Each structure stands twice: as C-alpha cells, then as structure tokens.
Amino acid sequence: MRELMDEESERLTRLAAEYYRIGCSIVEIVDLLIGKHPNLRSEPFLLAQVLRSAFNLSVHDLHYVTAWAQGEISRETLEGHLQANR
C-alpha cells in the first residue's frame, strides 16, 4: 500500500510541475489535480506531499491549501495568501 501511495505521489508531483511549467498558478494546479483526482480532497496528506515536493510550499501554505480544498476558505483568500508569501 505504501509503495502505491509513493508511486501516485510521484506521478502527481510530476503532473503538478508540468502544469507549473506551462504557466498555471499553484491554485489552478490544485484545482486541476482535485478535478482529475477527487480523492485528493479527502486525502490532505497526499495533496500536501505532492505540493511540498513540487513547489516546496511551507507547512503554513499547505494548511491554507488544505483549508481551501476542504471548503473552509475561499479561493480568493488562498490566492491572496500565496501571492503575499511568494
């Protein structure tokens, strides 16, 4: 099971990095990843692992992303936070 999660994490990390290279913002990437893999919404650790590996986001940033993915904050709040910390 652990090996399967590692493979999935690596694949999603590569996908996130590719989206970033073509000009997508981190918020757009999270939205795309969750759209294609809805299980990420209920697996915040996997989502955080992917984003940490792809973008080296801080734990604080990852908390904001998780809060947005779970509907606790607005997209605008997340975008504002990430822009202020970049």
C-alpha atoms as a PDB file:
ATOM      1  CA  MET A   1       0.000   0.000   0.000  1.00  0.00           C
ATOM      2  CA  ARG A   2       2.814   2.409   0.887  1.00  0.00           C
ATOM      3  CA  GLU A   3       4.516   1.729  -2.453  1.00  0.00           C
ATOM      4  CA  LEU A   4       1.288   2.500  -4.307  1.00  0.00           C
ATOM      5  CA  MET A   5       0.973   5.833  -2.472  1.00  0.00           C
ATOM      6  CA  ASP A   6       4.596   6.670  -3.266  1.00  0.00           C
ATOM      7  CA  GLU A   7       4.038   5.953  -6.966  1.00  0.00           C
ATOM      8  CA  GLU A   8       0.845   8.014  -7.004  1.00  0.00           C
ATOM      9  CA  SER A   9       2.570  10.858  -5.182  1.00  0.00           C
ATOM     10  CA  GLU A  10       5.478  10.875  -7.636  1.00  0.00           C
ATOM     11  CA  ARG A  11       3.151  10.813 -10.633  1.00  0.00           C
ATOM     12  CA  LEU A  12       1.046  13.680  -9.273  1.00  0.00           C
ATOM     13  CA  THR A  13       4.179  15.668  -8.392  1.00  0.00           C
ATOM     14  CA  ARG A  14       5.412  15.377 -11.976  1.00  0.00           C
ATOM     15  CA  LEU A  15       1.978  16.396 -13.259  1.00  0.00           C
ATOM     16  CA  ALA A  16       1.882  19.430 -10.946  1.00  0.00           C
ATOM     17  CA  ALA A  17       5.363  20.501 -12.059  1.00  0.00           C
ATOM     18  CA  GLU A  18       4.338  20.177 -15.709  1.00  0.00           C
ATOM     19  CA  TYR A  19       1.271  22.358 -15.154  1.00  0.00           C
ATOM     20  CA  TYR A  20       3.509  24.936 -13.452  1.00  0.00           C
ATOM     21  CA  ARG A  21       5.948  24.920 -16.382  1.00  0.00           C
ATOM     22  CA  ILE A  22       3.136  25.763 -18.796  1.00  0.00           C
ATOM     23  CA  GLY A  23       2.137  28.771 -16.687  1.00  0.00           C
ATOM     24  CA  CYS A  24      -0.566  27.594 -14.273  1.00  0.00           C
ATOM     25  CA  SER A  25      -0.649  29.110 -10.808  1.00  0.00           C
ATOM     26  CA  ILE A  26      -0.448  26.872  -7.750  1.00  0.00           C
ATOM     27  CA  VAL A  27      -4.145  27.455  -7.056  1.00  0.00           C
ATOM     28  CA  GLU A  28      -5.034  26.490 -10.633  1.00  0.00           C
ATOM     29  CA  ILE A  29      -2.877  23.382 -10.302  1.00  0.00           C
ATOM     30  CA  VAL A  30      -4.571  22.318  -7.072  1.00  0.00           C
ATOM     31  CA  ASP A  31      -7.941  22.858  -8.722  1.00  0.00           C
ATOM     32  CA  LEU A  32      -6.899  20.762 -11.746  1.00  0.00           C
ATOM     33  CA  LEU A  33      -5.430  17.992  -9.595  1.00  0.00           C
ATOM     34  CA  ILE A  34      -8.551  17.758  -7.434  1.00  0.00           C
ATOM     35  CA  GLY A  35     -10.731  17.885 -10.533  1.00  0.00           C
ATOM     36  CA  LYS A  36      -8.904  14.917 -12.035  1.00  0.00           C
ATOM     37  CA  HIS A  37      -8.350  13.119  -8.715  1.00  0.00           C
ATOM     38  CA  PRO A  38     -11.247  13.943  -6.354  1.00  0.00           C
ATOM     39  CA  ASN A  39      -9.786  11.631  -3.705  1.00  0.00           C
ATOM     40  CA  LEU A  40      -7.173  14.342  -3.012  1.00  0.00           C
ATOM     41  CA  ARG A  41      -9.871  16.423  -1.332  1.00  0.00           C
ATOM     42  CA  SER A  42     -10.279  13.726   1.315  1.00  0.00           C
ATOM     43  CA  GLU A  43      -6.568  12.866   1.467  1.00  0.00           C
ATOM     44  CA  PRO A  44      -4.934  16.111   2.577  1.00  0.00           C
ATOM     45  CA  PHE A  45      -1.672  14.365   3.454  1.00  0.00           C
ATOM     46  CA  LEU A  46      -1.219  13.111  -0.118  1.00  0.00           C
ATOM     47  CA  LEU A  47      -2.134  16.523  -1.530  1.00  0.00           C
ATOM     48  CA  ALA A  48       0.324  18.229   0.829  1.00  0.00           C
ATOM     49  CA  GLN A  49       3.033  15.704  -0.045  1.00  0.00           C
ATOM     50  CA  VAL A  50       2.574  16.386  -3.763  1.00  0.00           C
ATOM     51  CA  LEU A  51       2.614  20.164  -3.344  1.00  0.00           C
ATOM     52  CA  ARG A  52       5.562  20.123  -0.965  1.00  0.00           C
ATOM     53  CA  SER A  53       7.565  18.010  -3.416  1.00  0.00           C
ATOM     54  CA  ALA A  54       6.584  20.025  -6.494  1.00  0.00           C
ATOM     55  CA  PHE A  55       6.788  23.557  -5.069  1.00  0.00           C
ATOM     56  CA  ASN A  56       8.484  23.346  -1.666  1.00  0.00           C
ATOM     57  CA  LEU A  57       5.499  25.050  -0.036  1.00  0.00           C
ATOM     58  CA  SER A  58       5.742  25.810   3.647  1.00  0.00           C
ATOM     59  CA  VAL A  59       3.598  23.985   6.179  1.00  0.00           C
ATOM     60  CA  HIS A  60       1.661  27.227   6.681  1.00  0.00           C
ATOM     61  CA  ASP A  61       0.944  27.455   2.924  1.00  0.00           C
ATOM     62  CA  LEU A  62      -0.097  23.801   2.873  1.00  0.00           C
ATOM     63  CA  HIS A  63      -2.594  24.463   5.677  1.00  0.00           C
ATOM     64  CA  TYR A  64      -4.186  27.169   3.531  1.00  0.00           C
ATOM     65  CA  VAL A  65      -4.336  24.868   0.503  1.00  0.00           C
ATOM     66  CA  THR A  66      -5.937  22.110   2.569  1.00  0.00           C
ATOM     67  CA  ALA A  67      -8.446  24.555   4.047  1.00  0.00           C
ATOM     68  CA  TRP A  68      -9.432  25.695   0.555  1.00  0.00           C
ATOM     69  CA  ALA A  69      -9.644  22.133  -0.804  1.00  0.00           C
ATOM     70  CA  GLN A  70     -11.985  21.241   2.045  1.00  0.00           C
ATOM     71  CA  GLY A  71     -14.155  24.344   1.538  1.00  0.00           C
ATOM     72  CA  GLU A  72     -13.086  26.173   4.688  1.00  0.00           C
ATOM     73  CA  ILE A  73     -11.725  29.289   2.942  1.00  0.00           C
ATOM     74  CA  SER A  74     -12.391  30.947  -0.403  1.00  0.00           C
ATOM     75  CA  ARG A  75     -10.217  30.660  -3.481  1.00  0.00           C
ATOM     76  CA  GLU A  76      -9.567  34.398  -3.248  1.00  0.00           C
ATOM     77  CA  THR A  77      -8.259  34.012   0.308  1.00  0.00           C
ATOM     78  CA  LEU A  78      -5.916  31.232  -0.790  1.00  0.00           C
ATOM     79  CA  GLU A  79      -4.694  33.183  -3.818  1.00  0.00           C
ATOM     80  CA  GLY A  80      -4.074  36.267  -1.691  1.00  0.00           C
ATOM     81  CA  HIS A  81      -2.154  34.266   0.889  1.00  0.00           C
ATOM     82  CA  LEU A  82       0.046  32.533  -1.681  1.00  0.00           C
ATOM     83  CA  GLN A  83       0.762  35.781  -3.546  1.00  0.00           C
ATOM     84  CA  ALA A  84       1.743  37.517  -0.309  1.00  0.00           C
ATOM     85  CA  ASN A  85       4.157  34.703   0.554  1.00  0.00           C
ATOM     86  CA  ARG A  86       5.846  34.304  -2.822  1.00  0.00           C
END
